[in-house]
């Protein structure tokens, strides 16, 4: 059969089997990646659920602790937010968290060592508060 070049030769048969195994492994890899990384895959669904829970927490906090410039993010309906892609949800969360951080920064004194400076001044100059009254 080898000398005739028949399609039933063992060499062609072994080559075809090896080729089919390669195709099978490729198809399995492609199916796995499709299930894992597609828009309705396992990772995407888990990511959406996690982000939706964090968004619900931020919406429950309300607009307290946010600057006026970033409060408009909270007026987007929850149904609209849940329809966003993961990238847009992450961007929305980053904007809201930045608004809360900026509000907290506004409330703090400009000098981070302000309290220490007042304490040291009062300790070094204890008479400045009381001595002027006794004279």
C-alpha atoms as a PDB file:
ATOM      1  CA  UNK A   1       0.000   0.000   0.000  1.00  0.00           C
ATOM      2  CA  UNK A   2       2.910   2.367   0.650  1.00  0.00           C
ATOM      3  CA  UNK A   3       4.345   2.056  -2.815  1.00  0.00           C
ATOM      4  CA  UNK A   4       0.990   2.608  -4.490  1.00  0.00           C
ATOM      5  CA  UNK A   5       0.328   5.878  -2.575  1.00  0.00           C
ATOM      6  CA  UNK A   6      -3.028   4.703  -1.367  1.00  0.00           C
ATOM      7  CA  UNK A   7      -5.107   6.938   0.901  1.00  0.00           C
ATOM      8  CA  UNK A   8      -5.390   4.011   3.289  1.00  0.00           C
ATOM      9  CA  UNK A   9      -1.688   3.828   4.039  1.00  0.00           C
ATOM     10  CA  UNK A  10      -0.682   3.759   7.736  1.00  0.00           C
ATOM     11  CA  UNK A  11       1.371   6.916   7.341  1.00  0.00           C
ATOM     12  CA  UNK A  12      -1.534   8.964   6.010  1.00  0.00           C
ATOM     13  CA  UNK A  13      -3.839   7.475   8.609  1.00  0.00           C
ATOM     14  CA  UNK A  14      -1.465   8.388  11.480  1.00  0.00           C
ATOM     15  CA  UNK A  15      -0.997  11.884  10.053  1.00  0.00           C
ATOM     16  CA  UNK A  16      -4.763  12.385   9.831  1.00  0.00           C
ATOM     17  CA  UNK A  17      -5.248  11.186  13.430  1.00  0.00           C
ATOM     18  CA  UNK A  18      -2.557  13.568  14.729  1.00  0.00           C
ATOM     19  CA  UNK A  19      -4.126  16.413  12.746  1.00  0.00           C
ATOM     20  CA  UNK A  20      -7.545  15.627  14.265  1.00  0.00           C
ATOM     21  CA  UNK A  21      -6.035  15.651  17.779  1.00  0.00           C
ATOM     22  CA  UNK A  22      -4.547  19.087  17.122  1.00  0.00           C
ATOM     23  CA  UNK A  23      -7.905  20.337  15.860  1.00  0.00           C
ATOM     24  CA  UNK A  24      -9.652  18.856  18.890  1.00  0.00           C
ATOM     25  CA  UNK A  25      -7.285  20.542  21.342  1.00  0.00           C
ATOM     26  CA  UNK A  26      -7.653  23.840  19.463  1.00  0.00           C
ATOM     27  CA  UNK A  27     -11.450  23.587  19.583  1.00  0.00           C
ATOM     28  CA  UNK A  28     -11.389  22.815  23.310  1.00  0.00           C
ATOM     29  CA  UNK A  29      -9.101  25.790  23.982  1.00  0.00           C
ATOM     30  CA  UNK A  30     -11.280  28.065  21.851  1.00  0.00           C
ATOM     31  CA  UNK A  31     -14.466  26.903  23.610  1.00  0.00           C
ATOM     32  CA  UNK A  32     -12.885  27.398  27.049  1.00  0.00           C
ATOM     33  CA  UNK A  33     -11.753  30.928  26.239  1.00  0.00           C
ATOM     34  CA  UNK A  34     -15.139  31.714  24.746  1.00  0.00           C
ATOM     35  CA  UNK A  35     -16.911  30.613  27.915  1.00  0.00           C
ATOM     36  CA  UNK A  36     -14.448  32.373  30.170  1.00  0.00           C
ATOM     37  CA  UNK A  37     -13.887  35.696  28.422  1.00  0.00           C
ATOM     38  CA  UNK A  38     -16.996  36.441  26.360  1.00  0.00           C
ATOM     39  CA  UNK A  39     -19.488  39.108  27.421  1.00  0.00           C
ATOM     40  CA  UNK A  40     -21.785  36.531  29.021  1.00  0.00           C
ATOM     41  CA  UNK A  41     -18.974  34.354  30.360  1.00  0.00           C
ATOM     42  CA  UNK A  42     -18.293  33.356  33.932  1.00  0.00           C
ATOM     43  CA  UNK A  43     -15.768  36.104  34.654  1.00  0.00           C
ATOM     44  CA  UNK A  44     -17.903  38.825  33.091  1.00  0.00           C
ATOM     45  CA  UNK A  45     -20.996  37.835  35.079  1.00  0.00           C
ATOM     46  CA  UNK A  46     -19.010  37.679  38.332  1.00  0.00           C
ATOM     47  CA  UNK A  47     -17.427  41.057  37.608  1.00  0.00           C
ATOM     48  CA  UNK A  48     -20.825  42.631  36.872  1.00  0.00           C
ATOM     49  CA  UNK A  49     -22.310  41.241  40.096  1.00  0.00           C
ATOM     50  CA  UNK A  50     -19.401  42.541  42.167  1.00  0.00           C
ATOM     51  CA  UNK A  51     -19.541  45.983  40.564  1.00  0.00           C
ATOM     52  CA  UNK A  52     -23.340  46.127  40.949  1.00  0.00           C
ATOM     53  CA  UNK A  53     -22.982  45.414  44.684  1.00  0.00           C
ATOM     54  CA  UNK A  54     -20.378  48.173  45.093  1.00  0.00           C
ATOM     55  CA  UNK A  55     -22.553  50.577  43.083  1.00  0.00           C
ATOM     56  CA  UNK A  56     -25.538  49.743  45.311  1.00  0.00           C
ATOM     57  CA  UNK A  57     -23.409  50.537  48.375  1.00  0.00           C
ATOM     58  CA  UNK A  58     -22.361  53.889  46.907  1.00  0.00           C
ATOM     59  CA  UNK A  59     -25.956  54.743  46.004  1.00  0.00           C
ATOM     60  CA  UNK A  60     -27.069  53.802  49.530  1.00  0.00           C
ATOM     61  CA  UNK A  61     -24.548  56.265  50.979  1.00  0.00           C
ATOM     62  CA  UNK A  62     -26.269  59.009  49.025  1.00  0.00           C
ATOM     63  CA  UNK A  63     -24.823  62.393  48.209  1.00  0.00           C
ATOM     64  CA  UNK A  64     -23.513  63.081  51.701  1.00  0.00           C
ATOM     65  CA  UNK A  65     -19.780  63.419  51.639  1.00  0.00           C
ATOM     66  CA  UNK A  66     -19.612  64.393  47.966  1.00  0.00           C
ATOM     67  CA  UNK A  67     -18.680  67.630  46.320  1.00  0.00           C
ATOM     68  CA  UNK A  68     -21.391  69.499  44.453  1.00  0.00           C
ATOM     69  CA  UNK A  69     -19.526  68.960  41.188  1.00  0.00           C
ATOM     70  CA  UNK A  70     -19.760  65.174  41.484  1.00  0.00           C
ATOM     71  CA  UNK A  71     -23.277  64.739  42.867  1.00  0.00           C
ATOM     72  CA  UNK A  72     -24.719  64.388  39.364  1.00  0.00           C
ATOM     73  CA  UNK A  73     -23.240  60.871  39.175  1.00  0.00           C
ATOM     74  CA  UNK A  74     -25.787  59.726  41.764  1.00  0.00           C
ATOM     75  CA  UNK A  75     -28.747  60.902  39.696  1.00  0.00           C
ATOM     76  CA  UNK A  76     -28.181  58.176  37.094  1.00  0.00           C
ATOM     77  CA  UNK A  77     -30.847  55.488  37.644  1.00  0.00           C
ATOM     78  CA  UNK A  78     -29.679  52.129  38.977  1.00  0.00           C
ATOM     79  CA  UNK A  79     -31.246  50.339  35.984  1.00  0.00           C
ATOM     80  CA  UNK A  80     -29.128  52.437  33.633  1.00  0.00           C
ATOM     81  CA  UNK A  81     -26.000  51.784  35.679  1.00  0.00           C
ATOM     82  CA  UNK A  82     -26.593  48.032  35.685  1.00  0.00           C
ATOM     83  CA  UNK A  83     -26.722  48.097  31.878  1.00  0.00           C
ATOM     84  CA  UNK A  84     -23.284  49.684  31.610  1.00  0.00           C
ATOM     85  CA  UNK A  85     -20.238  47.685  30.596  1.00  0.00           C
ATOM     86  CA  UNK A  86     -17.688  46.781  33.257  1.00  0.00           C
ATOM     87  CA  UNK A  87     -15.368  49.533  32.044  1.00  0.00           C
ATOM     88  CA  UNK A  88     -18.092  52.184  32.409  1.00  0.00           C
ATOM     89  CA  UNK A  89     -19.088  50.845  35.831  1.00  0.00           C
ATOM     90  CA  UNK A  90     -15.480  51.048  37.007  1.00  0.00           C
ATOM     91  CA  UNK A  91     -15.228  54.586  35.640  1.00  0.00           C
ATOM     92  CA  UNK A  92     -18.462  55.598  37.416  1.00  0.00           C
ATOM     93  CA  UNK A  93     -17.215  54.122  40.697  1.00  0.00           C
ATOM     94  CA  UNK A  94     -13.858  55.865  40.355  1.00  0.00           C
ATOM     95  CA  UNK A  95     -15.613  59.196  39.759  1.00  0.00           C
ATOM     96  CA  UNK A  96     -17.895  58.789  42.778  1.00  0.00           C
ATOM     97  CA  UNK A  97     -15.038  57.695  45.039  1.00  0.00           C
ATOM     98  CA  UNK A  98     -12.925  60.604  43.827  1.00  0.00           C
ATOM     99  CA  UNK A  99     -15.787  62.974  44.651  1.00  0.00           C
ATOM    100  CA  UNK A 100     -15.971  61.571  48.175  1.00  0.00           C
ATOM    101  CA  UNK A 101     -12.195  61.801  48.593  1.00  0.00           C
ATOM    102  CA  UNK A 102     -12.168  65.416  47.392  1.00  0.00           C
ATOM    103  CA  UNK A 103     -14.920  66.296  49.857  1.00  0.00           C
ATOM    104  CA  UNK A 104     -12.891  64.783  52.695  1.00  0.00           C
ATOM    105  CA  UNK A 105      -9.814  66.702  51.535  1.00  0.00           C
ATOM    106  CA  UNK A 106     -11.751  69.983  51.551  1.00  0.00           C
ATOM    107  CA  UNK A 107     -12.764  69.436  55.181  1.00  0.00           C
ATOM    108  CA  UNK A 108      -9.200  68.919  56.361  1.00  0.00           C
ATOM    109  CA  UNK A 109      -7.018  71.941  57.103  1.00  0.00           C
ATOM    110  CA  UNK A 110      -4.611  73.001  54.383  1.00  0.00           C
ATOM    111  CA  UNK A 111      -1.594  72.286  56.574  1.00  0.00           C
ATOM    112  CA  UNK A 112      -1.488  68.607  57.541  1.00  0.00           C
ATOM    113  CA  UNK A 113       0.570  69.515  60.623  1.00  0.00           C
ATOM    114  CA  UNK A 114      -1.837  72.215  61.814  1.00  0.00           C
ATOM    115  CA  UNK A 115      -2.855  70.375  65.000  1.00  0.00           C
ATOM    116  CA  UNK A 116       0.773  69.622  65.881  1.00  0.00           C
ATOM    117  CA  UNK A 117       1.722  73.265  65.343  1.00  0.00           C
ATOM    118  CA  UNK A 118      -1.069  74.471  67.652  1.00  0.00           C
ATOM    119  CA  UNK A 119      -0.077  71.929  70.297  1.00  0.00           C
ATOM    120  CA  UNK A 120       3.591  72.945  70.164  1.00  0.00           C
ATOM    121  CA  UNK A 121       2.712  76.654  70.284  1.00  0.00           C
ATOM    122  CA  UNK A 122       0.533  76.153  73.346  1.00  0.00           C
ATOM    123  CA  UNK A 123       3.186  74.032  75.012  1.00  0.00           C
ATOM    124  CA  UNK A 124       6.096  76.376  74.256  1.00  0.00           C
ATOM    125  CA  UNK A 125       4.191  79.539  75.072  1.00  0.00           C
ATOM    126  CA  UNK A 126       1.947  78.527  77.987  1.00  0.00           C
ATOM    127  CA  UNK A 127       1.951  82.025  79.387  1.00  0.00           C
ATOM    128  CA  UNK A 128       0.604  83.636  76.227  1.00  0.00           C
ATOM    129  CA  UNK A 129      -2.952  82.529  77.032  1.00  0.00           C
ATOM    130  CA  UNK A 130      -2.962  83.311  80.736  1.00  0.00           C
ATOM    131  CA  UNK A 131      -0.328  85.962  81.438  1.00  0.00           C
ATOM    132  CA  UNK A 132      -2.022  88.777  79.568  1.00  0.00           C
ATOM    133  CA  UNK A 133      -5.111  88.454  81.794  1.00  0.00           C
ATOM    134  CA  UNK A 134      -3.145  88.725  85.042  1.00  0.00           C
ATOM    135  CA  UNK A 135      -1.309  91.913  84.123  1.00  0.00           C
END
